[in-house]
Protein backbone atom coordinates (compact mmCIF):
# COMPACT_ATOMS: atom_id res chain seq x y z
CA MET A 1 229.37 309.52 74.00
CA GLY A 2 232.49 307.39 74.31
CA SER A 3 235.58 308.69 72.57
CA HIS A 4 237.03 307.02 69.51
CA ASP A 5 240.32 306.46 71.32
CA GLU A 6 238.61 304.44 74.02
CA ALA A 7 236.83 302.42 71.34
CA ALA A 8 240.04 301.88 69.40
CA ASN A 9 241.89 300.68 72.48
CA ALA A 10 239.36 297.91 73.15
CA ASN A 11 240.96 294.50 72.93
CA THR A 12 237.99 292.56 71.61
CA SER A 13 234.53 293.34 70.27
CA GLU A 14 232.64 290.64 72.17
CA PRO A 15 232.49 292.32 75.62
CA VAL A 16 231.28 295.57 74.12
CA ALA A 17 228.74 293.85 71.91
CA GLN A 18 227.46 291.85 74.85
CA ARG A 19 227.35 294.90 77.05
CA THR A 20 225.51 297.05 74.50
CA GLY A 21 223.20 294.36 73.17
CA ALA A 22 223.33 295.82 69.64
CA PRO A 23 223.31 293.42 66.70
CA THR A 24 226.59 292.89 64.89
CA PRO A 25 227.24 291.47 61.42
CA ALA A 26 227.53 287.70 61.56
CA GLY A 27 231.07 286.44 61.37
CA GLU A 28 232.58 289.92 61.37
CA SER A 29 234.78 291.56 64.01
CA LEU A 30 233.95 295.09 64.97
CA THR A 31 236.16 297.95 63.82
CA ALA A 32 237.13 300.95 65.92
CA LEU A 33 234.34 302.96 64.28
CA ASP A 34 231.81 300.24 65.06
CA LEU A 35 232.94 300.27 68.67
CA ALA A 36 232.54 304.04 68.73
CA LEU A 37 228.94 303.59 67.59
CA LEU A 38 228.31 301.02 70.31
CA HIS A 39 230.27 302.73 73.09
CA ARG A 40 227.35 304.99 74.07
CA PRO A 41 224.60 304.79 76.70
CA SER A 42 221.53 302.94 75.47
CA PHE A 43 218.31 304.91 75.06
CA THR A 44 216.22 302.99 72.58
CA ILE A 45 213.27 304.24 70.58
CA ARG A 46 211.05 301.75 72.44
CA LYS A 47 212.02 303.40 75.72
CA LYS A 48 211.39 306.86 74.29
CA ILE A 49 207.92 305.88 73.10
CA ALA A 50 207.15 304.19 76.43
CA LEU A 51 208.31 307.26 78.39
CA SER A 52 206.29 309.55 76.12
CA PHE A 53 203.08 307.62 76.69
CA LEU A 54 203.88 307.30 80.38
CA LEU A 55 204.20 311.08 80.55
CA CYS A 56 200.80 311.43 78.86
CA PHE A 57 199.37 308.95 81.35
CA PHE A 58 200.77 310.97 84.27
CA VAL A 59 199.30 314.19 82.88
CA ILE A 60 195.89 312.59 82.37
CA GLY A 61 196.13 310.98 85.82
CA ALA A 62 197.03 314.33 87.40
CA VAL A 63 194.06 316.00 85.70
CA THR A 64 191.76 313.18 86.79
CA LEU A 65 193.02 313.37 90.37
CA ALA A 66 192.60 317.15 90.38
CA SER A 67 189.04 316.74 89.09
CA ILE A 68 188.26 314.17 91.79
CA VAL A 69 189.67 316.46 94.47
CA ALA A 70 187.71 319.42 93.11
CA LEU A 71 184.47 317.43 93.01
CA SER A 72 185.10 316.19 96.54
CA ARG A 73 185.63 319.73 97.77
CA ILE A 74 182.50 320.92 95.99
CA GLU A 75 180.57 318.08 97.60
CA GLN A 76 181.89 319.10 101.03
CA LYS A 77 181.03 322.71 100.40
CA LEU A 78 177.53 321.82 99.28
CA HIS A 79 177.09 319.75 102.44
CA PHE A 80 178.32 322.61 104.59
CA LEU A 81 176.10 324.99 102.67
CA GLU A 82 173.15 322.85 103.73
CA VAL A 83 174.40 323.08 107.33
CA ALA A 84 174.78 326.84 107.04
CA ASP A 85 171.29 327.18 105.55
CA SER A 86 169.92 325.01 108.35
CA TYR A 87 171.71 327.16 110.95
CA THR A 88 170.39 330.33 109.32
CA ASN A 89 166.85 328.90 109.23
CA GLN A 90 167.07 327.95 112.92
CA ILE A 91 168.20 331.46 113.88
CA GLN A 92 165.46 333.02 111.78
CA GLN A 93 162.81 330.73 113.31
CA ALA A 94 164.02 331.63 116.79
CA ARG A 95 163.72 335.32 115.89
CA ARG A 96 160.21 334.81 114.46
CA PHE A 97 158.90 333.12 117.60
CA GLU A 98 160.75 335.73 119.67
CA LYS A 99 158.75 338.46 117.90
CA ASN A 100 155.51 336.50 118.41
CA HIS A 101 156.25 336.41 122.13
CA PHE A 102 156.78 340.16 122.26
CA LEU A 103 153.63 340.80 120.22
CA TYR A 104 151.26 338.10 121.44
CA GLY A 105 152.95 336.62 124.50
CA THR A 106 153.31 333.12 122.94
CA GLY A 107 156.12 331.04 121.34
CA LEU A 108 158.93 331.77 123.80
CA ASP A 109 159.66 328.08 124.48
CA THR A 110 159.75 327.38 120.74
CA ALA A 111 162.21 330.26 120.27
CA ARG A 112 164.40 328.81 123.02
CA GLU A 113 164.24 325.38 121.37
CA TYR A 114 165.36 326.77 117.98
CA ALA A 115 168.17 328.67 119.73
CA ARG A 116 169.40 325.45 121.36
CA GLU A 117 169.25 323.64 117.97
CA ALA A 118 171.27 326.48 116.45
CA GLN A 119 173.86 326.07 119.24
CA THR A 120 174.09 322.35 118.46
CA THR A 121 174.48 323.04 114.73
CA LEU A 122 177.14 325.68 115.32
CA GLY A 123 179.06 323.41 117.67
CA GLY A 124 179.07 320.53 115.18
CA ALA A 125 180.27 322.68 112.29
CA SER A 126 182.50 325.12 114.17
CA VAL A 127 185.59 324.03 112.21
CA GLU A 128 183.94 324.75 108.86
CA PHE A 129 182.57 328.05 110.17
CA ALA A 130 186.03 329.01 111.38
CA ARG A 131 187.54 328.07 108.00
CA ILE A 132 185.10 330.29 106.14
CA VAL A 133 184.74 333.37 108.36
CA GLY A 134 187.68 332.88 110.70
CA GLN A 135 188.01 331.71 114.31
CA ALA A 136 187.35 335.10 115.94
CA PRO A 137 184.03 335.73 114.10
CA THR A 138 182.99 332.14 114.88
CA ASP A 139 183.66 332.68 118.58
CA GLU A 140 181.75 335.94 118.35
CA MET A 141 178.78 334.10 116.77
CA ARG A 142 178.90 331.53 119.56
CA ARG A 143 178.88 334.27 122.26
CA HIS A 144 175.95 336.05 120.61
CA LEU A 145 174.02 332.77 120.36
CA GLU A 146 174.75 331.80 123.97
CA ARG A 147 173.82 335.27 125.22
CA TYR A 148 170.65 335.19 123.13
CA GLU A 149 169.63 331.83 124.62
CA GLN A 150 170.43 333.09 128.13
CA LEU A 151 168.29 336.16 127.61
CA LEU A 152 165.43 334.01 126.34
CA SER A 153 165.79 331.72 129.36
CA ARG A 154 165.81 334.76 131.67
CA LEU A 155 162.70 336.06 129.93
CA ALA A 156 161.00 332.66 130.37
CA ALA A 157 161.95 332.53 134.08
CA ASP A 158 160.43 335.98 134.75
CA PRO A 159 157.43 336.38 132.41
CA GLY A 160 156.52 339.69 133.96
CA GLY A 161 159.95 341.04 133.31
CA GLY A 162 160.01 343.32 136.32
CA PRO A 163 159.74 347.02 135.85
CA ALA A 164 159.00 348.32 132.39
CA THR A 165 162.45 349.83 132.17
CA GLN A 166 164.18 346.51 132.75
CA ARG A 167 161.82 344.72 130.37
CA GLY A 168 162.58 347.22 127.61
CA ALA A 169 166.35 346.84 128.09
CA LEU A 170 165.96 343.04 128.00
CA GLU A 171 163.95 343.16 124.75
CA THR A 172 166.49 345.52 123.19
CA GLU A 173 169.42 343.26 124.08
CA ILE A 174 167.55 340.19 122.74
CA ARG A 175 166.84 341.94 119.44
CA GLU A 176 170.46 343.14 119.22
CA HIS A 177 171.95 339.67 119.70
CA GLY A 178 169.34 338.14 117.39
CA ALA A 179 170.20 340.58 114.62
CA GLN A 180 173.92 339.84 115.04
CA MET A 181 173.25 336.10 114.81
CA VAL A 182 171.17 336.44 111.62
CA ALA A 183 173.71 338.73 109.98
CA ALA A 184 176.59 336.35 110.81
CA ALA A 185 174.64 333.32 109.54
CA LEU A 186 173.85 335.09 106.26
CA ARG A 187 177.50 336.07 105.83
CA VAL A 188 178.60 332.47 106.30
CA ALA A 189 176.02 331.16 103.81
CA GLU A 190 176.87 333.84 101.23
CA ALA A 191 180.61 333.23 101.58
CA GLU A 192 180.15 329.51 101.09
CA ARG A 193 177.91 330.05 98.03
CA GLN A 194 180.57 332.24 96.44
CA SER A 195 183.20 329.60 97.21
CA VAL A 196 181.02 326.92 95.57
CA GLN A 197 180.51 329.10 92.49
CA SER A 198 184.27 329.69 92.29
CA MET A 199 184.92 325.95 92.50
CA LEU A 200 182.32 325.29 89.81
CA ARG A 201 183.93 327.84 87.50
CA LEU A 202 187.30 326.22 88.13
CA SER A 203 185.80 322.80 87.41
CA ARG A 204 184.44 324.06 84.11
CA GLN A 205 187.81 325.59 83.14
CA MET A 206 189.87 322.60 84.26
CA PRO A 207 188.89 320.27 81.35
CA MET A 208 189.67 322.98 78.80
CA GLY A 209 193.02 323.68 80.43
CA ALA A 210 193.74 319.97 80.62
CA LEU A 211 192.90 319.54 76.92
CA LEU A 212 195.20 322.44 76.03
CA VAL A 213 198.05 321.02 78.12
CA LEU A 214 197.46 317.57 76.65
CA LEU A 215 197.42 318.99 73.12
CA LEU A 216 200.71 320.82 73.70
CA LEU A 217 202.19 317.68 75.22
CA ILE A 218 201.06 315.56 72.27
CA LEU A 219 202.52 318.08 69.81
CA TYR A 220 205.80 318.10 71.70
CA ILE A 221 205.94 314.31 71.89
CA THR A 222 205.04 314.00 68.21
CA ASN A 223 207.76 316.47 67.25
CA PHE A 224 210.24 314.77 69.58
CA LEU A 225 209.54 311.30 68.23
CA ALA A 226 209.55 312.59 64.66
CA ARG A 227 212.98 314.10 65.20
CA GLN A 228 214.18 310.94 66.87
CA LEU A 229 212.92 308.83 63.95
CA LEU A 230 213.11 311.03 60.86
CA ALA A 231 216.55 312.50 61.48
CA PRO A 232 218.26 309.08 61.67
CA LEU A 233 216.18 307.88 58.72
CA GLY A 234 217.32 310.93 56.76
CA ARG A 235 220.93 310.11 57.58
CA MET A 236 220.40 306.53 56.44
CA VAL A 237 218.81 307.76 53.19
CA ASN A 238 221.76 310.08 52.62
CA ALA A 239 224.11 307.17 53.29
CA ALA A 240 222.25 305.06 50.71
CA GLU A 241 222.46 307.90 48.18
CA ARG A 242 226.18 308.24 48.86
CA VAL A 243 226.63 304.52 48.31
CA ALA A 244 224.79 304.84 45.00
CA LYS A 245 227.28 307.56 44.01
CA GLY A 246 230.24 305.43 45.00
CA ASP A 247 231.04 307.15 48.31
CA PHE A 248 231.64 304.49 50.95
CA THR A 249 232.58 306.78 53.85
CA PRO A 250 231.26 304.99 56.97
CA LEU A 251 228.74 306.47 59.38
CA ARG A 252 230.06 307.98 62.61
CA PRO A 253 228.34 308.63 65.97
CA ALA A 254 226.31 311.84 65.99
CA ARG A 255 224.14 311.51 69.10
CA ARG A 256 224.80 310.91 72.75
CA TYR A 257 222.73 307.74 72.99
CA ARG A 258 222.47 304.65 70.84
CA ASP A 259 219.22 303.02 69.81
CA GLU A 260 217.83 300.68 67.16
CA PHE A 261 219.35 302.84 64.42
CA THR A 262 222.79 301.99 65.77
CA GLY A 263 222.34 298.42 64.58
CA LEU A 264 221.22 299.73 61.20
CA ALA A 265 224.28 301.99 61.05
CA LEU A 266 226.52 299.01 61.83
CA ALA A 267 224.85 297.02 59.05
CA ILE A 268 225.25 299.91 56.59
CA ASN A 269 228.92 300.33 57.52
CA HIS A 270 229.43 296.61 57.03
CA MET A 271 227.65 296.83 53.67
CA MET A 272 229.88 299.78 52.66
CA GLN A 273 233.00 297.82 53.59
CA GLU A 274 231.85 294.85 51.53
CA LEU A 275 230.83 297.01 48.57
CA ASN A 276 234.12 298.89 48.69
CA ARG A 277 236.07 295.64 48.83
CA ARG A 278 234.10 294.10 45.98
CA GLN A 279 234.31 297.29 43.92
CA ASP A 280 238.08 297.27 44.31
CA ALA A 281 238.10 293.66 43.17
CA LEU A 282 235.92 294.54 40.16
CA VAL A 283 238.16 297.50 39.30
CA GLU A 284 241.19 295.23 39.39
CA ALA A 285 239.39 292.70 37.22
CA GLN A 286 238.39 295.43 34.75
CA LYS A 287 241.98 296.69 34.67
CA LEU A 288 243.24 293.20 33.91
CA ARG A 289 240.58 292.78 31.24
CA ALA A 290 241.47 296.15 29.70
CA VAL A 291 245.18 295.31 29.74
CA GLY A 292 244.45 291.95 28.11
CA THR A 293 242.27 293.55 25.44
CA LEU A 294 244.88 296.26 24.85
CA THR A 295 247.71 293.75 24.59
CA ALA A 296 245.76 291.51 22.25
CA GLY A 297 244.79 294.48 20.10
CA ILE A 298 248.33 295.78 19.89
CA ALA A 299 249.68 292.33 19.03
CA HIS A 300 246.99 291.78 16.41
CA GLU A 301 247.33 295.19 14.77
CA LEU A 302 251.15 295.24 14.74
CA ASN A 303 251.47 291.62 13.68
CA ASN A 304 250.05 292.24 10.19
CA PRO A 305 252.46 295.00 9.05
CA ILE A 306 255.40 293.24 10.71
CA ASN A 307 254.55 290.01 8.88
CA ASN A 308 254.27 291.92 5.61
CA ILE A 309 257.61 293.63 6.23
CA SER A 310 259.21 290.24 7.05
CA LEU A 311 257.79 288.58 3.94
CA THR A 312 258.87 291.46 1.70
CA ALA A 313 262.37 291.47 3.18
CA GLU A 314 262.71 287.70 2.68
CA ALA A 315 261.58 288.07 -0.92
CA MET A 316 264.21 290.74 -1.49
CA LEU A 317 266.91 288.54 0.02
CA GLU A 318 265.95 285.46 -1.97
CA ASP A 319 265.55 287.23 -5.32
CA ALA A 320 268.08 290.02 -4.84
CA GLU A 321 270.16 289.01 -7.88
CA THR A 322 267.23 288.51 -10.24
CA LEU A 323 265.07 291.52 -9.29
CA THR A 324 264.90 294.41 -11.67
CA SER A 325 265.17 297.99 -10.52
CA GLU A 326 261.43 298.51 -10.81
CA GLN A 327 260.74 295.42 -8.70
CA ARG A 328 263.21 296.54 -6.06
CA LEU A 329 261.51 299.95 -5.93
CA GLU A 330 258.11 298.31 -5.63
CA LEU A 331 259.28 296.09 -2.76
CA CYS A 332 260.89 299.07 -0.99
CA HIS A 333 257.65 300.99 -1.42
CA ASP A 334 255.79 298.05 0.19
CA LEU A 335 258.25 298.10 3.09
CA LEU A 336 257.67 301.83 3.65
CA THR A 337 253.91 301.39 3.40
CA GLN A 338 253.87 298.65 6.05
CA ALA A 339 256.27 300.62 8.25
CA GLU A 340 253.99 303.67 7.99
CA ARG A 341 251.03 301.46 8.90
CA ALA A 342 252.84 300.22 12.03
CA GLN A 343 253.86 303.77 12.83
CA GLY A 344 250.22 304.88 12.53
CA ILE A 345 249.13 302.15 14.92
CA VAL A 346 251.73 303.25 17.47
CA LYS A 347 250.72 306.91 17.00
CA ASN A 348 247.06 306.08 17.64
CA LEU A 349 248.07 304.13 20.71
CA LEU A 350 250.07 307.09 22.01
CA ASP A 351 247.13 309.43 21.32
CA PHE A 352 244.93 307.08 23.29
CA SER A 353 247.24 306.87 26.32
CA ARG A 354 248.75 310.37 26.34
CA GLN A 355 247.26 312.82 28.86
CA ARG A 356 247.25 315.96 26.76
CA ASP A 357 246.19 319.29 28.17
CA VAL A 358 242.90 320.74 26.96
CA HIS A 359 243.32 324.32 25.74
CA VAL A 360 239.90 325.70 26.46
CA GLU A 361 238.56 328.59 24.40
CA PRO A 362 235.18 329.67 23.03
CA LEU A 363 234.50 327.87 19.75
CA ASP A 364 231.98 328.48 16.99
CA LEU A 365 230.48 325.01 16.73
CA GLY A 366 229.08 325.59 13.24
CA ALA A 367 232.45 326.70 11.87
CA LEU A 368 234.14 323.74 13.58
CA LEU A 369 231.72 321.26 12.02
CA ARG A 370 232.07 322.81 8.57
CA SER A 371 235.89 322.66 8.81
CA THR A 372 235.78 318.99 9.79
CA GLU A 373 233.41 318.37 6.87
CA LYS A 374 236.13 319.66 4.54
CA LEU A 375 238.74 317.43 6.22
CA ALA A 376 236.65 314.33 5.53
CA GLY A 377 235.34 315.59 2.18
CA ASN A 378 237.66 313.55 -0.03
CA GLN A 379 236.86 310.23 1.66
CA ILE A 380 233.14 311.02 1.47
CA LYS A 381 233.32 311.80 -2.25
CA LEU A 382 235.39 308.72 -3.02
CA ALA A 383 232.85 306.56 -1.20
CA GLY A 384 230.02 308.12 -3.17
CA ALA A 385 228.22 309.21 0.00
CA ARG A 386 226.60 312.52 0.98
CA LEU A 387 226.92 314.58 4.18
CA GLU A 388 224.12 316.92 5.24
CA LEU A 389 224.98 319.53 7.88
CA ASP A 390 222.15 321.20 9.83
CA VAL A 391 223.43 323.94 12.17
CA PRO A 392 220.92 326.54 13.45
CA ASP A 393 222.00 330.18 13.44
CA ASP A 394 221.46 330.62 17.20
CA VAL A 395 223.77 327.84 18.35
CA PRO A 396 225.81 329.14 21.31
CA ALA A 397 229.58 328.90 21.45
CA VAL A 398 231.05 325.87 23.18
CA ARG A 399 234.13 325.67 25.37
CA GLY A 400 236.89 323.39 24.24
CA ASP A 401 240.03 322.62 22.26
CA GLY A 402 239.29 323.04 18.56
CA GLN A 403 241.97 320.62 17.36
CA GLN A 404 240.88 317.80 19.66
CA LEU A 405 237.16 318.31 18.96
CA ALA A 406 237.88 318.31 15.23
CA GLN A 407 239.58 314.93 15.71
CA VAL A 408 236.43 313.65 17.44
CA PHE A 409 234.07 314.70 14.64
CA VAL A 410 236.38 313.46 11.88
CA ASN A 411 236.46 310.05 13.60
CA LEU A 412 232.65 310.05 13.79
CA TYR A 413 232.32 311.06 10.12
CA LEU A 414 234.65 308.25 9.01
CA ASN A 415 232.85 305.70 11.20
CA ALA A 416 229.52 306.80 9.71
CA LEU A 417 231.06 306.58 6.22
CA ASP A 418 232.20 302.97 6.85
CA ALA A 419 228.66 302.10 8.00
CA ALA A 420 226.85 303.95 5.18
CA ALA A 421 229.06 302.53 2.40
CA SER A 422 228.56 303.59 -1.22
CA GLY A 423 225.69 305.96 -1.87
CA GLY A 424 224.96 306.38 1.83
CA LEU A 425 223.80 309.49 3.68
CA ILE A 426 225.38 311.05 6.76
CA ARG A 427 223.33 313.61 8.68
CA VAL A 428 224.92 316.00 11.18
CA SER A 429 222.50 318.09 13.23
CA VAL A 430 222.95 320.43 16.18
CA ARG A 431 220.33 321.06 18.88
CA ARG A 432 219.91 322.28 22.43
CA PRO A 433 218.66 319.60 24.89
CA ALA A 434 215.45 320.92 26.47
CA ARG A 435 216.26 319.55 29.93
CA GLU A 436 219.93 320.64 29.91
CA PRO A 437 220.22 324.29 28.88
CA GLY A 438 223.94 324.36 29.70
CA PHE A 439 224.80 321.94 26.86
CA VAL A 440 224.60 321.66 23.10
CA GLN A 441 224.28 318.30 21.35
CA VAL A 442 225.68 317.19 17.98
CA ASP A 443 224.06 314.10 16.39
CA VAL A 444 226.00 312.22 13.67
CA SER A 445 223.62 309.73 12.00
CA ASP A 446 224.04 307.26 9.14
CA ASN A 447 221.61 305.06 7.22
CA GLY A 448 223.72 301.93 7.43
CA LYS A 449 222.85 298.51 8.77
CA GLY A 450 223.26 299.52 12.39
CA ILE A 451 225.13 297.85 15.24
CA ALA A 452 224.12 294.55 16.78
CA PRO A 453 222.87 294.81 20.39
CA ASP A 454 225.54 292.38 21.65
CA VAL A 455 228.28 294.55 20.10
CA LEU A 456 226.95 297.94 21.19
CA PRO A 457 228.27 297.90 24.82
CA PHE A 458 231.86 297.39 23.65
CA ILE A 459 232.30 299.94 20.85
CA PHE A 460 234.19 302.41 23.07
CA ASP A 461 236.65 299.75 24.26
CA PRO A 462 240.24 300.12 22.98
CA PHE A 463 241.03 298.07 19.84
CA PHE A 464 237.47 296.80 19.61
CA THR A 465 236.35 296.56 15.98
CA SER A 466 233.61 294.75 14.17
CA GLY A 467 234.55 292.24 11.55
CA LYS A 468 233.95 294.75 8.72
CA ALA A 469 235.78 297.71 10.31
CA LYS A 470 238.90 299.00 8.58
CA GLY A 471 240.48 300.96 11.47
CA THR A 472 242.56 300.04 14.49
CA GLY A 473 239.68 300.25 16.96
CA LEU A 474 241.12 303.24 18.83
CA GLY A 475 239.15 306.05 17.18
CA LEU A 476 236.03 305.84 19.36
CA SER A 477 238.08 305.26 22.53
CA VAL A 478 240.18 308.35 21.84
CA SER A 479 237.06 310.36 20.99
CA HIS A 480 235.34 309.25 24.18
CA GLY A 481 238.31 310.38 26.27
CA ILE A 482 238.49 313.78 24.54
CA VAL A 483 234.78 314.50 25.04
CA ALA A 484 235.01 313.45 28.70
CA LYS A 485 237.91 315.87 29.24
CA HIS A 486 235.72 318.66 27.86
CA GLY A 487 233.07 318.00 30.52
CA GLY A 488 230.68 316.35 28.07
CA ASP A 489 229.71 312.85 27.07
CA ILE A 490 229.16 310.74 23.98
CA HIS A 491 226.65 307.95 23.57
CA VAL A 492 225.25 305.86 20.73
CA THR A 493 221.80 304.62 19.75
CA SER A 494 221.46 301.94 17.11
CA SER A 495 219.52 298.90 16.06
CA PRO A 496 220.08 296.59 13.11
CA GLY A 497 218.55 297.86 9.87
CA THR A 498 217.79 301.41 11.07
CA GLY A 499 221.22 303.05 11.14
CA THR A 500 223.30 304.48 13.96
CA THR A 501 223.42 307.85 15.72
CA PHE A 502 226.37 309.10 17.79
CA SER A 503 225.42 312.00 20.08
CA VAL A 504 228.12 314.31 21.42
CA ARG A 505 227.10 316.61 24.28
CA LEU A 506 229.36 319.61 25.03
CA PRO A 507 229.03 322.45 27.59
CA VAL A 508 228.30 325.90 26.22
CA VAL A 509 230.21 329.05 27.18
CA GLY A 510 229.04 330.29 30.58
CA SER A 511 227.91 326.89 31.90
CA SER A 512 229.12 325.59 35.23
CA GLU A 513 230.55 322.32 33.83
CA MET A 514 234.32 321.90 34.20
CA CYS A 515 236.39 321.15 31.12
CA GLU A 516 239.50 320.38 33.17
CA PRO A 517 239.39 317.42 35.57
CA ALA A 518 238.02 318.67 38.85
CA VAL A 519 240.10 318.46 42.03
CA PRO A 520 238.26 316.04 44.33
CA VAL A 521 236.84 317.65 47.45
CA PRO A 522 236.95 315.52 50.61
CA PRO A 523 233.37 314.60 51.53
CA ALA A 524 231.87 315.70 54.81
CA VAL A 525 232.13 312.99 57.42
CA PRO A 526 228.66 311.39 57.68
CA THR A 527 227.21 310.73 61.09
CA GLU A 528 224.71 308.40 62.65
């Protein structure tokens, strides 16, 4: 695989793209990482599949060729076995007529004729005989057969045979050579039969062996192709999952060769670059929107008390000589009230923007909720509403900062009180989510008119308030930030006419969730 330095030192992307033949994003120049992906020898999946099937073809062809050769050899052996049987039959016929001559004095010419036919047969198949029994035994067979025919010719030339002693020696020598010829012929025939049987057994075993080899080859090719296909697909799936999580780390070369997946990797890297660029643009747009909303909210909220202070001060200046002491005190009290209102707005803004540390400790959630109920008790009584608290006895302790969590629940109680109005009901219940055993959930519900669907997505934005809200619009934003710092989350469900429920989810003691912001761990470099 080409090094990244070599890829980075390339002057242009066109020569490499043309040389590799891999597709590149239209209208885009290749980066150093893209060049590293392309700067590898090409070994495409199409070639791998073609080579795999070609290998199977060669194996099947080799088995077929071996079968043809084996059948050809069996055919040759069967043909030679016929020759050997014919040779054996000729020798045996010569011996039979030889015995008839000794017993009845007839058949000697026939015996000589069979002996000459046997000589012709042996001469025509001497190579095969030598291959089976060896050259020396074949020469020995030929000498016995020639001597046997000579003795028969001698016997035919001198029917009387001379003295009885010479005739007896001649008959003994004829029988001796005849027996040697028959024994040698039988050995040749038997050896060839055993060879044919061995070849037949091999022919029967060859298809089974070929099927086993082919099966192993198919399994290997299947596993090889699966690894060549599934492993890159798995990496692409992981890349897609990383993109879904917001990780746009590009794919890097992982294998020695490049193939069709290289083009897919280039496309995914290009997609990641575009998504990252567009996400940065969206983040900047969201920041500008948030700054605009924050600025507008601050200006709107501070403008009212400042205008009141200005009007009151002008009234004091204009009527300073005619105002009574009680009127002056009343106007000064109005000035202090408006100044305190502006100060409260600034304090809420500082609470929203300040990065305070979270002092984590085990907290009794039931005691915390009951204490916050007392904090909001006066406002609830004055509004003529009721608050019902349902806390099971087996609720586990949560991890968090008691002061900050109390601020969250007080904000939720007051929001529910504004929605419920006079005579309303606020229900606070605690439960354990069945699918998340490491958390406990607090639901704060009211029986008010609910929140309109078009308003619901913006309720956690800073300074966002509905037309009927009395606060500054920072309470829910501050609460959302506090809960997030504790490793939990807060969400709302509402529809007009059915009331609203805010659900706060907090980690219990012993869970693996982090209350403090986690230090980001550099992701492993993905590969292609």
